[in-house]
C-alpha atoms as a PDB file:
ATOM      1  CA  MET A   1      28.162 -15.164  38.972  1.00  0.00           C
ATOM      2  CA  VAL A   2      29.651 -17.293  36.226  1.00  0.00           C
ATOM      3  CA  LEU A   3      30.298 -21.018  36.594  1.00  0.00           C
ATOM      4  CA  LEU A   4      33.351 -22.065  34.868  1.00  0.00           C
ATOM      5  CA  THR A   5      33.450 -25.848  33.781  1.00  0.00           C
ATOM      6  CA  GLY A   6      37.311 -27.557  33.701  1.00  0.00           C
ATOM      7  CA  CYS A   7      37.764 -27.813  29.863  1.00  0.00           C
ATOM      8  CA  SER A   8      41.439 -29.058  29.441  1.00  0.00           C
ATOM      9  CA  GLN A   9      42.871 -26.736  26.286  1.00  0.00           C
ATOM     10  CA  VAL A  10      43.505 -30.633  24.745  1.00  0.00           C
ATOM     11  CA  SER A  11      40.157 -31.586  24.699  1.00  0.00           C
ATOM     12  CA  ARG A  12      39.138 -28.337  23.052  1.00  0.00           C
ATOM     13  CA  LEU A  13      41.723 -28.788  20.572  1.00  0.00           C
ATOM     14  CA  ARG A  14      40.626 -32.021  19.281  1.00  0.00           C
ATOM     15  CA  ARG A  15      37.201 -30.019  19.016  1.00  0.00           C
ATOM     16  CA  VAL A  16      38.600 -27.226  17.393  1.00  0.00           C
ATOM     17  CA  ALA A  17      40.808 -28.882  14.454  1.00  0.00           C
ATOM     18  CA  ALA A  18      39.168 -32.656  14.742  1.00  0.00           C
ATOM     19  CA  TYR A  19      41.155 -32.345  11.003  1.00  0.00           C
ATOM     20  CA  SER A  20      44.398 -31.149  12.271  1.00  0.00           C
ATOM     21  CA  HIS A  21      46.615 -34.554  11.595  1.00  0.00           C
ATOM     22  CA  TYR A  22      46.429 -34.410   7.617  1.00  0.00           C
ATOM     23  CA  LEU A  23      48.073 -30.730   7.074  1.00  0.00           C
ATOM     24  CA  ASN A  24      50.193 -30.663   4.185  1.00  0.00           C
ATOM     25  CA  ALA A  25      49.099 -34.241   3.776  1.00  0.00           C
ATOM     26  CA  THR A  26      47.831 -35.445   0.022  1.00  0.00           C
ATOM     27  CA  VAL A  27      44.111 -36.537   1.117  1.00  0.00           C
ATOM     28  CA  SER A  28      40.987 -37.428  -1.253  1.00  0.00           C
ATOM     29  CA  VAL A  29      37.810 -35.697   0.561  1.00  0.00           C
ATOM     30  CA  TRP A  30      34.389 -36.871   0.160  1.00  0.00           C
ATOM     31  CA  TYR A  31      31.686 -34.473   0.456  1.00  0.00           C
ATOM     32  CA  ARG A  32      28.304 -33.714   0.703  1.00  0.00           C
ATOM     33  CA  LEU A  33      26.840 -30.756  -1.530  1.00  0.00           C
ATOM     34  CA  GLY A  34      22.605 -31.038  -1.346  1.00  0.00           C
ATOM     35  CA  ASP A  35      22.312 -34.516  -1.971  1.00  0.00           C
ATOM     36  CA  ILE A  36      25.104 -35.372  -4.686  1.00  0.00           C
ATOM     37  CA  LEU A  37      28.403 -36.807  -2.989  1.00  0.00           C
ATOM     38  CA  LEU A  38      31.574 -35.355  -4.889  1.00  0.00           C
ATOM     39  CA  SER A  39      34.716 -35.975  -4.924  1.00  0.00           C
ATOM     40  CA  ALA A  40      38.319 -33.646  -4.250  1.00  0.00           C
ATOM     41  CA  SER A  41      41.771 -34.262  -3.769  1.00  0.00           C
ATOM     42  CA  GLY A  42      44.512 -32.204  -3.104  1.00  0.00           C
ATOM     43  CA  VAL A  43      47.179 -30.362  -0.611  1.00  0.00           C
ATOM     44  CA  PHE A  44      45.263 -30.314   3.382  1.00  0.00           C
ATOM     45  CA  VAL A  45      46.323 -26.227   3.498  1.00  0.00           C
ATOM     46  CA  GLY A  46      43.828 -25.760   6.509  1.00  0.00           C
ATOM     47  CA  ASP A  47      41.896 -26.854   9.478  1.00  0.00           C
ATOM     48  CA  SER A  48      39.652 -23.575  10.743  1.00  0.00           C
ATOM     49  CA  GLY A  49      37.682 -25.280  13.257  1.00  0.00           C
ATOM     50  CA  ARG A  50      34.181 -25.001  11.048  1.00  0.00           C
ATOM     51  CA  SER A  51      35.758 -25.976   7.258  1.00  0.00           C
ATOM     52  CA  ILE A  52      38.735 -27.492   6.259  1.00  0.00           C
ATOM     53  CA  PHE A  53      41.056 -26.247   2.970  1.00  0.00           C
ATOM     54  CA  LEU A  54      42.297 -28.012   0.140  1.00  0.00           C
ATOM     55  CA  GLU A  55      44.714 -27.102  -2.550  1.00  0.00           C
ATOM     56  CA  GLN A  56      45.939 -28.240  -5.998  1.00  0.00           C
ATOM     57  CA  HIS A  57      48.305 -26.733  -8.084  1.00  0.00           C
ATOM     58  CA  LEU A  58      48.243 -27.529 -12.046  1.00  0.00           C
ATOM     59  CA  GLU A  59      50.769 -26.291 -14.953  1.00  0.00           C
ATOM     60  CA  LEU A  60      47.873 -25.750 -18.463  1.00  0.00           C
ATOM     61  CA  ARG A  61      48.823 -23.963 -21.091  1.00  0.00           C
ATOM     62  CA  GLY A  62      51.942 -22.795 -19.248  1.00  0.00           C
ATOM     63  CA  ARG A  63      49.962 -21.305 -16.875  1.00  0.00           C
ATOM     64  CA  ARG A  64      50.262 -21.997 -13.169  1.00  0.00           C
ATOM     65  CA  ASN A  65      46.422 -22.477 -11.672  1.00  0.00           C
ATOM     66  CA  TYR A  66      45.750 -22.681  -7.999  1.00  0.00           C
ATOM     67  CA  PHE A  67      42.141 -24.696  -6.940  1.00  0.00           C
ATOM     68  CA  ARG A  68      41.431 -23.970  -3.431  1.00  0.00           C
ATOM     69  CA  TRP A  69      38.426 -25.027  -1.283  1.00  0.00           C
ATOM     70  CA  GLU A  70      36.538 -24.768   1.556  1.00  0.00           C
ATOM     71  CA  ILE A  71      34.681 -27.793   2.816  1.00  0.00           C
ATOM     72  CA  PRO A  72      32.561 -27.333   5.847  1.00  0.00           C
ATOM     73  CA  TYR A  73      32.354 -29.957   9.070  1.00  0.00           C
ATOM     74  CA  GLY A  74      29.336 -30.602   8.343  1.00  0.00           C
ATOM     75  CA  ASN A  75      29.280 -31.975   4.750  1.00  0.00           C
ATOM     76  CA  ILE A  76      32.288 -33.689   4.989  1.00  0.00           C
ATOM     77  CA  HIS A  77      32.011 -37.207   4.554  1.00  0.00           C
ATOM     78  CA  SER A  78      35.147 -38.782   3.956  1.00  0.00           C
ATOM     79  CA  VAL A  79      38.889 -37.358   3.988  1.00  0.00           C
ATOM     80  CA  GLU A  80      42.007 -40.573   3.059  1.00  0.00           C
ATOM     81  CA  ILE A  81      45.236 -40.157   3.014  1.00  0.00           C
ATOM     82  CA  VAL A  82      46.161 -40.469  -0.983  1.00  0.00           C
ATOM     83  CA  SER A  83      49.563 -42.351  -0.795  1.00  0.00           C
ATOM     84  CA  LYS A  84      52.285 -41.680  -2.456  1.00  0.00           C
ATOM     85  CA  THR A  85      51.862 -44.405  -5.249  1.00  0.00           C
ATOM     86  CA  GLU A  86      48.613 -43.359  -6.417  1.00  0.00           C
ATOM     87  CA  GLN A  87      49.287 -39.972  -6.886  1.00  0.00           C
ATOM     88  CA  LYS A  88      52.139 -41.053  -9.108  1.00  0.00           C
ATOM     89  CA  SER A  89      49.714 -43.216 -11.299  1.00  0.00           C
ATOM     90  CA  THR A  90      47.665 -40.829 -11.452  1.00  0.00           C
ATOM     91  CA  GLU A  91      50.270 -37.643 -12.920  1.00  0.00           C
ATOM     92  CA  LEU A  92      51.858 -40.084 -15.345  1.00  0.00           C
ATOM     93  CA  ASP A  93      48.812 -40.971 -16.774  1.00  0.00           C
ATOM     94  CA  PRO A  94      46.072 -38.925 -17.237  1.00  0.00           C
ATOM     95  CA  PRO A  95      44.894 -39.352 -21.013  1.00  0.00           C
ATOM     96  CA  SER A  96      43.084 -42.758 -19.526  1.00  0.00           C
ATOM     97  CA  ALA A  97      40.540 -41.071 -17.001  1.00  0.00           C
ATOM     98  CA  GLU A  98      39.093 -39.580 -20.866  1.00  0.00           C
ATOM     99  CA  ARG A  99      39.514 -42.573 -22.211  1.00  0.00           C
ATOM    100  CA  PRO A 100      35.910 -44.467 -20.865  1.00  0.00           C
ATOM    101  CA  ARG A 101      34.262 -41.065 -22.208  1.00  0.00           C
ATOM    102  CA  ALA A 102      36.091 -41.422 -25.196  1.00  0.00           C
ATOM    103  CA  LYS A 103      35.081 -44.943 -25.871  1.00  0.00           C
ATOM    104  CA  ALA A 104      31.498 -43.950 -24.319  1.00  0.00           C
ATOM    105  CA  ALA A 105      30.951 -40.911 -27.093  1.00  0.00           C
ATOM    106  CA  THR A 106      32.033 -43.404 -29.813  1.00  0.00           C
ATOM    107  CA  ALA A 107      29.498 -46.529 -28.149  1.00  0.00           C
ATOM    108  CA  GLY A 108      26.762 -43.945 -28.133  1.00  0.00           C
ATOM    109  CA  ALA A 109      27.372 -42.914 -31.746  1.00  0.00           C
ATOM    110  CA  SER A 110      27.475 -46.656 -33.059  1.00  0.00           C
ATOM    111  CA  ARG A 111      24.192 -46.885 -32.034  1.00  0.00           C
ATOM    112  CA  THR A 112      21.872 -44.525 -33.787  1.00  0.00           C
ATOM    113  CA  SER A 113      21.534 -45.283 -37.598  1.00  0.00           C
ATOM    114  CA  SER A 114      22.232 -42.725 -39.909  1.00  0.00           C
ATOM    115  CA  ALA A 115      18.318 -42.818 -41.667  1.00  0.00           C
ATOM    116  CA  ALA A 116      17.259 -40.996 -37.779  1.00  0.00           C
ATOM    117  CA  ILE A 117      19.294 -38.027 -38.968  1.00  0.00           C
ATOM    118  CA  PHE A 118      18.250 -35.998 -41.290  1.00  0.00           C
ATOM    119  CA  PRO A 119      20.473 -34.401 -43.511  1.00  0.00           C
ATOM    120  CA  LEU A 120      20.638 -29.996 -43.559  1.00  0.00           C
ATOM    121  CA  ALA A 121      19.100 -29.260 -46.716  1.00  0.00           C
ATOM    122  CA  GLY A 122      20.048 -25.985 -48.623  1.00  0.00           C
ATOM    123  CA  PRO A 123      18.830 -22.862 -48.537  1.00  0.00           C
ATOM    124  CA  PRO A 124      14.910 -22.339 -49.677  1.00  0.00           C
ATOM    125  CA  LYS A 125      14.757 -21.942 -53.779  1.00  0.00           C
ATOM    126  CA  THR A 126      12.563 -19.471 -54.938  1.00  0.00           C
ATOM    127  CA  VAL A 127      10.271 -19.457 -57.695  1.00  0.00           C
END
């Protein structure tokens, strides 16, 4: 004898595809990987009920590249829709993200003294 519970299709679908309302939207996802919290952004392309799928298209050196992420439900920390203005500002000014690194590198280089760096000696002299 098998007892059937009264489970409506709507409540079952809510559990299966909890993030489906983000489909085809540009989102930013924060997810856990071990002890590290990482972020990914792209177009929300799928929800399997166990994982979500993001996709990002880039053109690099004349070639189109595709990045796809599968993030399990258990690792998701937060999902946010990226507004059109935020998306356009990051597309128009990508080098600004690298400027702080360059500034940090030059700041680190200026702190080192030339006395701490040993000059490279030529090959050993033979007698």
